[in-house]
PDB file of N, CA and C in Angstrom:
ATOM      1  N   UNK A   1       6.154 -98.737  22.356  1.00  0.00           N
ATOM      2  CA  UNK A   1       6.001 -97.645  23.302  1.00  0.00           C
ATOM      3  C   UNK A   1       6.209 -96.330  22.565  1.00  0.00           C
ATOM      4  N   UNK A   2       5.319 -95.385  22.848  1.00  0.00           N
ATOM      5  CA  UNK A   2       5.398 -94.062  22.245  1.00  0.00           C
ATOM      6  C   UNK A   2       5.657 -93.029  23.333  1.00  0.00           C
ATOM      7  N   UNK A   3       6.269 -91.942  22.940  1.00  0.00           N
ATOM      8  CA  UNK A   3       6.531 -90.845  23.868  1.00  0.00           C
ATOM      9  C   UNK A   3       5.700 -89.633  23.448  1.00  0.00           C
ATOM     10  N   UNK A   4       5.159 -88.955  24.455  1.00  0.00           N
ATOM     11  CA  UNK A   4       4.332 -87.776  24.218  1.00  0.00           C
ATOM     12  C   UNK A   4       4.820 -86.622  25.078  1.00  0.00           C
ATOM     13  N   UNK A   5       4.729 -85.435  24.523  1.00  0.00           N
ATOM     14  CA  UNK A   5       4.958 -84.204  25.274  1.00  0.00           C
ATOM     15  C   UNK A   5       3.580 -83.696  25.666  1.00  0.00           C
ATOM     16  N   UNK A   6       3.297 -83.685  26.957  1.00  0.00           N
ATOM     17  CA  UNK A   6       1.966 -83.289  27.415  1.00  0.00           C
ATOM     18  C   UNK A   6       2.039 -81.976  28.200  1.00  0.00           C
ATOM     19  N   UNK A   7       0.968 -81.234  28.107  1.00  0.00           N
ATOM     20  CA  UNK A   7       0.779 -80.036  28.917  1.00  0.00           C
ATOM     21  C   UNK A   7      -0.474 -80.263  29.739  1.00  0.00           C
ATOM     22  N   UNK A   8      -0.333 -80.138  31.048  1.00  0.00           N
ATOM     23  CA  UNK A   8      -1.443 -80.371  31.976  1.00  0.00           C
ATOM     24  C   UNK A   8      -1.814 -79.044  32.628  1.00  0.00           C
ATOM     25  N   UNK A   9      -3.103 -78.739  32.629  1.00  0.00           N
ATOM     26  CA  UNK A   9      -3.603 -77.577  33.355  1.00  0.00           C
ATOM     27  C   UNK A   9      -3.891 -78.034  34.784  1.00  0.00           C
ATOM     28  N   UNK A  10      -3.355 -77.299  35.734  1.00  0.00           N
ATOM     29  CA  UNK A  10      -3.551 -77.617  37.149  1.00  0.00           C
ATOM     30  C   UNK A  10      -4.327 -76.466  37.784  1.00  0.00           C
ATOM     31  N   UNK A  11      -5.450 -76.807  38.390  1.00  0.00           N
ATOM     32  CA  UNK A  11      -6.288 -75.830  39.081  1.00  0.00           C
ATOM     33  C   UNK A  11      -6.021 -75.958  40.569  1.00  0.00           C
ATOM     34  N   UNK A  12      -5.579 -74.859  41.183  1.00  0.00           N
ATOM     35  CA  UNK A  12      -5.220 -74.875  42.593  1.00  0.00           C
ATOM     36  C   UNK A  12      -5.868 -73.662  43.261  1.00  0.00           C
ATOM     37  N   UNK A  13      -7.076 -73.866  43.769  1.00  0.00           N
ATOM     38  CA  UNK A  13      -7.802 -72.745  44.369  1.00  0.00           C
ATOM     39  C   UNK A  13      -8.144 -71.718  43.310  1.00  0.00           C
ATOM     40  N   UNK A  14      -7.718 -70.480  43.521  1.00  0.00           N
ATOM     41  CA  UNK A  14      -7.963 -69.410  42.560  1.00  0.00           C
ATOM     42  C   UNK A  14      -6.929 -69.375  41.441  1.00  0.00           C
ATOM     43  N   UNK A  15      -5.938 -70.239  41.500  1.00  0.00           N
ATOM     44  CA  UNK A  15      -4.845 -70.202  40.548  1.00  0.00           C
ATOM     45  C   UNK A  15      -4.955 -71.331  39.531  1.00  0.00           C
ATOM     46  N   UNK A  16      -4.457 -71.038  38.346  1.00  0.00           N
ATOM     47  CA  UNK A  16      -4.432 -72.014  37.262  1.00  0.00           C
ATOM     48  C   UNK A  16      -3.051 -71.924  36.625  1.00  0.00           C
ATOM     49  N   UNK A  17      -2.365 -73.035  36.514  1.00  0.00           N
ATOM     50  CA  UNK A  17      -1.055 -73.011  35.888  1.00  0.00           C
ATOM     51  C   UNK A  17      -0.849 -74.275  35.070  1.00  0.00           C
ATOM     52  N   UNK A  18       0.216 -74.281  34.275  1.00  0.00           N
ATOM     53  CA  UNK A  18       0.503 -75.382  33.369  1.00  0.00           C
ATOM     54  C   UNK A  18       1.790 -76.077  33.774  1.00  0.00           C
ATOM     55  N   UNK A  19       1.833 -77.366  33.557  1.00  0.00           N
ATOM     56  CA  UNK A  19       3.037 -78.147  33.773  1.00  0.00           C
ATOM     57  C   UNK A  19       3.246 -78.992  32.529  1.00  0.00           C
ATOM     58  N   UNK A  20       4.483 -79.111  32.092  1.00  0.00           N
ATOM     59  CA  UNK A  20       4.805 -79.862  30.882  1.00  0.00           C
ATOM     60  C   UNK A  20       5.718 -81.017  31.240  1.00  0.00           C
ATOM     61  N   UNK A  21       5.514 -82.145  30.540  1.00  0.00           N
ATOM     62  CA  UNK A  21       6.278 -83.343  30.867  1.00  0.00           C
ATOM     63  C   UNK A  21       6.305 -84.271  29.656  1.00  0.00           C
ATOM     64  N   UNK A  22       7.364 -85.051  29.560  1.00  0.00           N
ATOM     65  CA  UNK A  22       7.443 -86.111  28.555  1.00  0.00           C
ATOM     66  C   UNK A  22       7.039 -87.401  29.239  1.00  0.00           C
ATOM     67  N   UNK A  23       6.107 -88.127  28.636  1.00  0.00           N
ATOM     68  CA  UNK A  23       5.674 -89.398  29.208  1.00  0.00           C
ATOM     69  C   UNK A  23       5.806 -90.493  28.157  1.00  0.00           C
ATOM     70  N   UNK A  24       6.016 -91.702  28.621  1.00  0.00           N
ATOM     71  CA  UNK A  24       6.065 -92.885  27.753  1.00  0.00           C
ATOM     72  C   UNK A  24       4.791 -93.677  27.986  1.00  0.00           C
ATOM     73  N   UNK A  25       4.101 -94.008  26.909  1.00  0.00           N
ATOM     74  CA  UNK A  25       2.839 -94.742  27.018  1.00  0.00           C
ATOM     75  C   UNK A  25       2.880 -95.983  26.142  1.00  0.00           C
ATOM     76  N   UNK A  26       2.133 -97.010  26.543  1.00  0.00           N
ATOM     77  CA  UNK A  26       1.971 -98.189  25.696  1.00  0.00           C
ATOM     78  C   UNK A  26       0.554 -98.215  25.149  1.00  0.00           C
ATOM     79  N   UNK A  27       0.258 -99.239  24.394  1.00  0.00           N
ATOM     80  CA  UNK A  27      -1.038 -99.323  23.720  1.00  0.00           C
ATOM     81  C   UNK A  27      -2.210 -99.284  24.696  1.00  0.00           C
ATOM     82  N   UNK A  28      -2.026 -99.738  25.918  1.00  0.00           N
ATOM     83  CA  UNK A  28      -3.107 -99.761  26.898  1.00  0.00           C
ATOM     84  C   UNK A  28      -3.525 -98.385  27.391  1.00  0.00           C
ATOM     85  N   UNK A  29      -2.724 -97.366  27.102  1.00  0.00           N
ATOM     86  CA  UNK A  29      -3.020 -96.008  27.554  1.00  0.00           C
ATOM     87  C   UNK A  29      -3.820 -95.206  26.538  1.00  0.00           C
ATOM     88  N   UNK A  30      -4.339 -95.886  25.523  1.00  0.00           N
ATOM     89  CA  UNK A  30      -5.122 -95.220  24.491  1.00  0.00           C
ATOM     90  C   UNK A  30      -6.585 -95.590  24.628  1.00  0.00           C
ATOM     91  N   UNK A  31      -7.456 -94.650  24.304  1.00  0.00           N
ATOM     92  CA  UNK A  31      -8.891 -94.916  24.295  1.00  0.00           C
ATOM     93  C   UNK A  31      -9.237 -95.680  23.023  1.00  0.00           C
ATOM     94  N   UNK A  32     -10.462 -96.112  22.899  1.00  0.00           N
ATOM     95  CA  UNK A  32     -10.885 -96.913  21.757  1.00  0.00           C
ATOM     96  C   UNK A  32     -10.813 -96.133  20.439  1.00  0.00           C
ATOM     97  N   UNK A  33     -10.843 -94.801  20.499  1.00  0.00           N
ATOM     98  CA  UNK A  33     -10.779 -94.004  19.274  1.00  0.00           C
ATOM     99  C   UNK A  33      -9.351 -93.709  18.826  1.00  0.00           C
ATOM    100  N   UNK A  34      -8.357 -94.264  19.521  1.00  0.00           N
ATOM    101  CA  UNK A  34      -6.962 -94.083  19.131  1.00  0.00           C
ATOM    102  C   UNK A  34      -6.278 -92.892  19.761  1.00  0.00           C
ATOM    103  N   UNK A  35      -6.993 -92.088  20.541  1.00  0.00           N
ATOM    104  CA  UNK A  35      -6.396 -90.947  21.237  1.00  0.00           C
ATOM    105  C   UNK A  35      -5.954 -91.377  22.629  1.00  0.00           C
ATOM    106  N   UNK A  36      -5.122 -90.560  23.235  1.00  0.00           N
ATOM    107  CA  UNK A  36      -4.689 -90.853  24.595  1.00  0.00           C
ATOM    108  C   UNK A  36      -5.875 -90.818  25.544  1.00  0.00           C
ATOM    109  N   UNK A  37      -5.900 -91.732  26.491  1.00  0.00           N
ATOM    110  CA  UNK A  37      -6.923 -91.760  27.527  1.00  0.00           C
ATOM    111  C   UNK A  37      -6.498 -90.784  28.624  1.00  0.00           C
ATOM    112  N   UNK A  38      -7.226 -89.680  28.772  1.00  0.00           N
ATOM    113  CA  UNK A  38      -6.845 -88.622  29.715  1.00  0.00           C
ATOM    114  C   UNK A  38      -6.664 -89.144  31.135  1.00  0.00           C
ATOM    115  N   UNK A  39      -7.558 -89.993  31.580  1.00  0.00           N
ATOM    116  CA  UNK A  39      -7.481 -90.496  32.947  1.00  0.00           C
ATOM    117  C   UNK A  39      -6.200 -91.300  33.155  1.00  0.00           C
ATOM    118  N   UNK A  40      -5.859 -92.175  32.233  1.00  0.00           N
ATOM    119  CA  UNK A  40      -4.638 -92.979  32.376  1.00  0.00           C
ATOM    120  C   UNK A  40      -3.389 -92.110  32.324  1.00  0.00           C
ATOM    121  N   UNK A  41      -3.397 -91.111  31.461  1.00  0.00           N
ATOM    122  CA  UNK A  41      -2.248 -90.209  31.365  1.00  0.00           C
ATOM    123  C   UNK A  41      -2.098 -89.385  32.646  1.00  0.00           C
ATOM    124  N   UNK A  42      -3.210 -88.905  33.195  1.00  0.00           N
ATOM    125  CA  UNK A  42      -3.139 -88.135  34.435  1.00  0.00           C
ATOM    126  C   UNK A  42      -2.724 -88.999  35.621  1.00  0.00           C
ATOM    127  N   UNK A  43      -3.069 -90.273  35.591  1.00  0.00           N
ATOM    128  CA  UNK A  43      -2.582 -91.180  36.633  1.00  0.00           C
ATOM    129  C   UNK A  43      -1.068 -91.319  36.544  1.00  0.00           C
ATOM    130  N   UNK A  44      -0.523 -91.388  35.328  1.00  0.00           N
ATOM    131  CA  UNK A  44       0.929 -91.410  35.152  1.00  0.00           C
ATOM    132  C   UNK A  44       1.549 -90.098  35.629  1.00  0.00           C
ATOM    133  N   UNK A  45       0.902 -88.998  35.288  1.00  0.00           N
ATOM    134  CA  UNK A  45       1.421 -87.667  35.623  1.00  0.00           C
ATOM    135  C   UNK A  45       1.446 -87.436  37.133  1.00  0.00           C
ATOM    136  N   UNK A  46       0.342 -87.765  37.812  1.00  0.00           N
ATOM    137  CA  UNK A  46       0.248 -87.480  39.251  1.00  0.00           C
ATOM    138  C   UNK A  46       0.832 -88.593  40.112  1.00  0.00           C
ATOM    139  N   UNK A  47       0.885 -89.817  39.577  1.00  0.00           N
ATOM    140  CA  UNK A  47       1.320 -90.954  40.376  1.00  0.00           C
ATOM    141  C   UNK A  47       0.243 -91.459  41.310  1.00  0.00           C
ATOM    142  N   UNK A  48      -0.966 -90.986  41.131  1.00  0.00           N
ATOM    143  CA  UNK A  48      -2.108 -91.323  41.990  1.00  0.00           C
ATOM    144  C   UNK A  48      -3.079 -92.201  41.222  1.00  0.00           C
ATOM    145  N   UNK A  49      -3.538 -93.258  41.843  1.00  0.00           N
ATOM    146  CA  UNK A  49      -4.458 -94.192  41.189  1.00  0.00           C
ATOM    147  C   UNK A  49      -5.927 -93.812  41.358  1.00  0.00           C
ATOM    148  N   UNK A  50      -6.249 -93.011  42.354  1.00  0.00           N
ATOM    149  CA  UNK A  50      -7.647 -92.737  42.686  1.00  0.00           C
ATOM    150  C   UNK A  50      -8.126 -91.374  42.199  1.00  0.00           C
ATOM    151  N   UNK A  51      -7.914 -91.086  40.939  1.00  0.00           N
ATOM    152  CA  UNK A  51      -8.432 -89.836  40.384  1.00  0.00           C
ATOM    153  C   UNK A  51      -9.904 -89.991  40.053  1.00  0.00           C
ATOM    154  N   UNK A  52     -10.675 -88.946  40.309  1.00  0.00           N
ATOM    155  CA  UNK A  52     -12.104 -88.967  40.002  1.00  0.00           C
ATOM    156  C   UNK A  52     -12.464 -87.677  39.274  1.00  0.00           C
ATOM    157  N   UNK A  53     -13.379 -87.777  38.322  1.00  0.00           N
ATOM    158  CA  UNK A  53     -13.782 -86.604  37.543  1.00  0.00           C
ATOM    159  C   UNK A  53     -14.753 -85.746  38.352  1.00  0.00           C
ATOM    160  N   UNK A  54     -14.492 -84.459  38.399  1.00  0.00           N
ATOM    161  CA  UNK A  54     -15.342 -83.512  39.100  1.00  0.00           C
ATOM    162  C   UNK A  54     -16.100 -82.695  38.059  1.00  0.00           C
ATOM    163  N   UNK A  55     -17.427 -82.825  38.025  1.00  0.00           N
ATOM    164  CA  UNK A  55     -18.261 -82.135  37.032  1.00  0.00           C
ATOM    165  C   UNK A  55     -18.189 -80.617  37.174  1.00  0.00           C
ATOM    166  N   UNK A  56     -18.179 -80.130  38.393  1.00  0.00           N
ATOM    167  CA  UNK A  56     -18.168 -78.686  38.619  1.00  0.00           C
ATOM    168  C   UNK A  56     -16.868 -78.062  38.129  1.00  0.00           C
ATOM    169  N   UNK A  57     -15.747 -78.715  38.409  1.00  0.00           N
ATOM    170  CA  UNK A  57     -14.431 -78.203  38.027  1.00  0.00           C
ATOM    171  C   UNK A  57     -14.078 -78.553  36.584  1.00  0.00           C
ATOM    172  N   UNK A  58     -14.742 -79.548  36.026  1.00  0.00           N
ATOM    173  CA  UNK A  58     -14.429 -80.034  34.681  1.00  0.00           C
ATOM    174  C   UNK A  58     -13.003 -80.572  34.602  1.00  0.00           C
ATOM    175  N   UNK A  59     -12.568 -81.240  35.652  1.00  0.00           N
ATOM    176  CA  UNK A  59     -11.208 -81.758  35.728  1.00  0.00           C
ATOM    177  C   UNK A  59     -11.188 -82.971  36.658  1.00  0.00           C
ATOM    178  N   UNK A  60     -10.083 -83.682  36.638  1.00  0.00           N
ATOM    179  CA  UNK A  60      -9.907 -84.829  37.538  1.00  0.00           C
ATOM    180  C   UNK A  60      -9.272 -84.350  38.830  1.00  0.00           C
ATOM    181  N   UNK A  61      -9.706 -84.972  39.941  1.00  0.00           N
ATOM    182  CA  UNK A  61      -9.169 -84.613  41.253  1.00  0.00           C
ATOM    183  C   UNK A  61      -8.760 -85.859  42.018  1.00  0.00           C
ATOM    184  N   UNK A  62      -7.765 -85.680  42.872  1.00  0.00           N
ATOM    185  CA  UNK A  62      -7.377 -86.710  43.826  1.00  0.00           C
ATOM    186  C   UNK A  62      -8.312 -86.551  45.016  1.00  0.00           C
ATOM    187  N   UNK A  63      -8.888 -87.640  45.534  1.00  0.00           N
ATOM    188  CA  UNK A  63      -9.801 -87.501  46.677  1.00  0.00           C
ATOM    189  C   UNK A  63      -9.150 -86.742  47.838  1.00  0.00           C
ATOM    190  N   UNK A  64      -9.918 -85.882  48.447  1.00  0.00           N
ATOM    191  CA  UNK A  64      -9.504 -85.068  49.596  1.00  0.00           C
ATOM    192  C   UNK A  64      -8.377 -84.095  49.256  1.00  0.00           C
ATOM    193  N   UNK A  65      -8.300 -83.711  47.998  1.00  0.00           N
ATOM    194  CA  UNK A  65      -7.320 -82.724  47.564  1.00  0.00           C
ATOM    195  C   UNK A  65      -8.052 -81.670  46.741  1.00  0.00           C
ATOM    196  N   UNK A  66      -7.694 -80.425  46.874  1.00  0.00           N
ATOM    197  CA  UNK A  66      -8.413 -79.358  46.185  1.00  0.00           C
ATOM    198  C   UNK A  66      -7.901 -79.102  44.765  1.00  0.00           C
ATOM    199  N   UNK A  67      -6.810 -79.741  44.364  1.00  0.00           N
ATOM    200  CA  UNK A  67      -6.269 -79.520  43.024  1.00  0.00           C
ATOM    201  C   UNK A  67      -7.019 -80.306  41.967  1.00  0.00           C
ATOM    202  N   UNK A  68      -7.160 -79.693  40.799  1.00  0.00           N
ATOM    203  CA  UNK A  68      -7.772 -80.352  39.653  1.00  0.00           C
ATOM    204  C   UNK A  68      -6.770 -80.451  38.521  1.00  0.00           C
ATOM    205  N   UNK A  69      -6.872 -81.502  37.716  1.00  0.00           N
ATOM    206  CA  UNK A  69      -5.942 -81.754  36.621  1.00  0.00           C
ATOM    207  C   UNK A  69      -6.720 -82.015  35.341  1.00  0.00           C
ATOM    208  N   UNK A  70      -6.251 -81.392  34.262  1.00  0.00           N
ATOM    209  CA  UNK A  70      -6.865 -81.622  32.954  1.00  0.00           C
ATOM    210  C   UNK A  70      -5.769 -81.583  31.889  1.00  0.00           C
ATOM    211  N   UNK A  71      -5.850 -82.477  30.903  1.00  0.00           N
ATOM    212  CA  UNK A  71      -4.901 -82.463  29.794  1.00  0.00           C
ATOM    213  C   UNK A  71      -5.235 -81.257  28.913  1.00  0.00           C
ATOM    214  N   UNK A  72      -4.279 -80.379  28.754  1.00  0.00           N
ATOM    215  CA  UNK A  72      -4.468 -79.204  27.902  1.00  0.00           C
ATOM    216  C   UNK A  72      -4.047 -79.517  26.463  1.00  0.00           C
ATOM    217  N   UNK A  73      -2.915 -80.228  26.331  1.00  0.00           N
ATOM    218  CA  UNK A  73      -2.396 -80.519  25.005  1.00  0.00           C
ATOM    219  C   UNK A  73      -1.483 -81.747  25.089  1.00  0.00           C
ATOM    220  N   UNK A  74      -1.465 -82.528  24.032  1.00  0.00           N
ATOM    221  CA  UNK A  74      -0.522 -83.651  23.946  1.00  0.00           C
ATOM    222  C   UNK A  74      -0.064 -83.790  22.505  1.00  0.00           C
ATOM    223  N   UNK A  75       1.207 -84.099  22.335  1.00  0.00           N
ATOM    224  CA  UNK A  75       1.769 -84.251  20.996  1.00  0.00           C
ATOM    225  C   UNK A  75       2.783 -85.382  21.026  1.00  0.00           C
ATOM    226  N   UNK A  76       2.661 -86.275  20.053  1.00  0.00           N
ATOM    227  CA  UNK A  76       3.597 -87.385  19.969  1.00  0.00           C
ATOM    228  C   UNK A  76       4.977 -86.861  19.577  1.00  0.00           C
ATOM    229  N   UNK A  77       6.008 -87.417  20.209  1.00  0.00           N
ATOM    230  CA  UNK A  77       7.382 -87.010  19.944  1.00  0.00           C
ATOM    231  C   UNK A  77       7.999 -88.000  18.975  1.00  0.00           C
ATOM    232  N   UNK A  78       8.632 -87.471  17.947  1.00  0.00           N
ATOM    233  CA  UNK A  78       9.372 -88.310  17.012  1.00  0.00           C
ATOM    234  C   UNK A  78      10.564 -88.916  17.758  1.00  0.00           C
ATOM    235  N   UNK A  79      10.814 -90.191  17.550  1.00  0.00           N
ATOM    236  CA  UNK A  79      11.899 -90.883  18.265  1.00  0.00           C
ATOM    237  C   UNK A  79      13.255 -90.226  18.016  1.00  0.00           C
ATOM    238  N   UNK A  80      13.432 -89.579  16.866  1.00  0.00           N
ATOM    239  CA  UNK A  80      14.698 -88.904  16.563  1.00  0.00           C
ATOM    240  C   UNK A  80      14.884 -87.638  17.386  1.00  0.00           C
ATOM    241  N   UNK A  81      13.792 -87.034  17.830  1.00  0.00           N
ATOM    242  CA  UNK A  81      13.863 -85.806  18.618  1.00  0.00           C
ATOM    243  C   UNK A  81      14.010 -86.064  20.113  1.00  0.00           C
ATOM    244  N   UNK A  82      13.700 -87.257  20.549  1.00  0.00           N
ATOM    245  CA  UNK A  82      13.715 -87.574  21.981  1.00  0.00           C
ATOM    246  C   UNK A  82      15.088 -87.356  22.633  1.00  0.00           C
ATOM    247  N   UNK A  83      16.204 -87.805  22.033  1.00  0.00           N
ATOM    248  CA  UNK A  83      17.506 -87.546  22.674  1.00  0.00           C
ATOM    249  C   UNK A  83      17.822 -86.063  22.843  1.00  0.00           C
ATOM    250  N   UNK A  84      17.401 -85.244  21.886  1.00  0.00           N
ATOM    251  CA  UNK A  84      17.654 -83.806  21.978  1.00  0.00           C
ATOM    252  C   UNK A  84      16.860 -83.202  23.131  1.00  0.00           C
ATOM    253  N   UNK A  85      15.595 -83.592  23.260  1.00  0.00           N
ATOM    254  CA  UNK A  85      14.770 -83.078  24.348  1.00  0.00           C
ATOM    255  C   UNK A  85      15.331 -83.504  25.705  1.00  0.00           C
ATOM    256  N   UNK A  86      15.777 -84.726  25.793  1.00  0.00           N
ATOM    257  CA  UNK A  86      16.366 -85.206  27.058  1.00  0.00           C
ATOM    258  C   UNK A  86      17.682 -84.504  27.367  1.00  0.00           C
ATOM    259  N   UNK A  87      18.476 -84.235  26.319  1.00  0.00           N
ATOM    260  CA  UNK A  87      19.769 -83.540  26.515  1.00  0.00           C
ATOM    261  C   UNK A  87      19.561 -82.181  27.159  1.00  0.00           C
ATOM    262  N   UNK A  88      18.498 -81.492  26.757  1.00  0.00           N
ATOM    263  CA  UNK A  88      18.239 -80.146  27.278  1.00  0.00           C
ATOM    264  C   UNK A  88      17.203 -80.149  28.404  1.00  0.00           C
ATOM    265  N   UNK A  89      16.938 -81.310  28.965  1.00  0.00           N
ATOM    266  CA  UNK A  89      16.071 -81.463  30.147  1.00  0.00           C
ATOM    267  C   UNK A  89      14.674 -80.883  29.951  1.00  0.00           C
ATOM    268  N   UNK A  90      14.103 -81.130  28.794  1.00  0.00           N
ATOM    269  CA  UNK A  90      12.734 -80.671  28.540  1.00  0.00           C
ATOM    270  C   UNK A  90      11.782 -81.650  29.150  1.00  0.00           C
TER     271      UNK A  90
END
């Protein structure tokens, strides 16, 4: 299991903001090219299983919800740094 620090862009009407979170992923959450699978990561982030890609918004949306989600940045966390990040509630 690997830990990643992700930044998600959230589109909410006329507003756009970022949310940051540490997530734990296993091998099944990676695409065939070895990078994180955005859809699987956003399902972990939102807790919603029914995300669908919206071409106009260029982001994933929960059905019947106006918010859009897109991975802005992700970086693997070194296991030695994880306790420090948790200590300071990052």
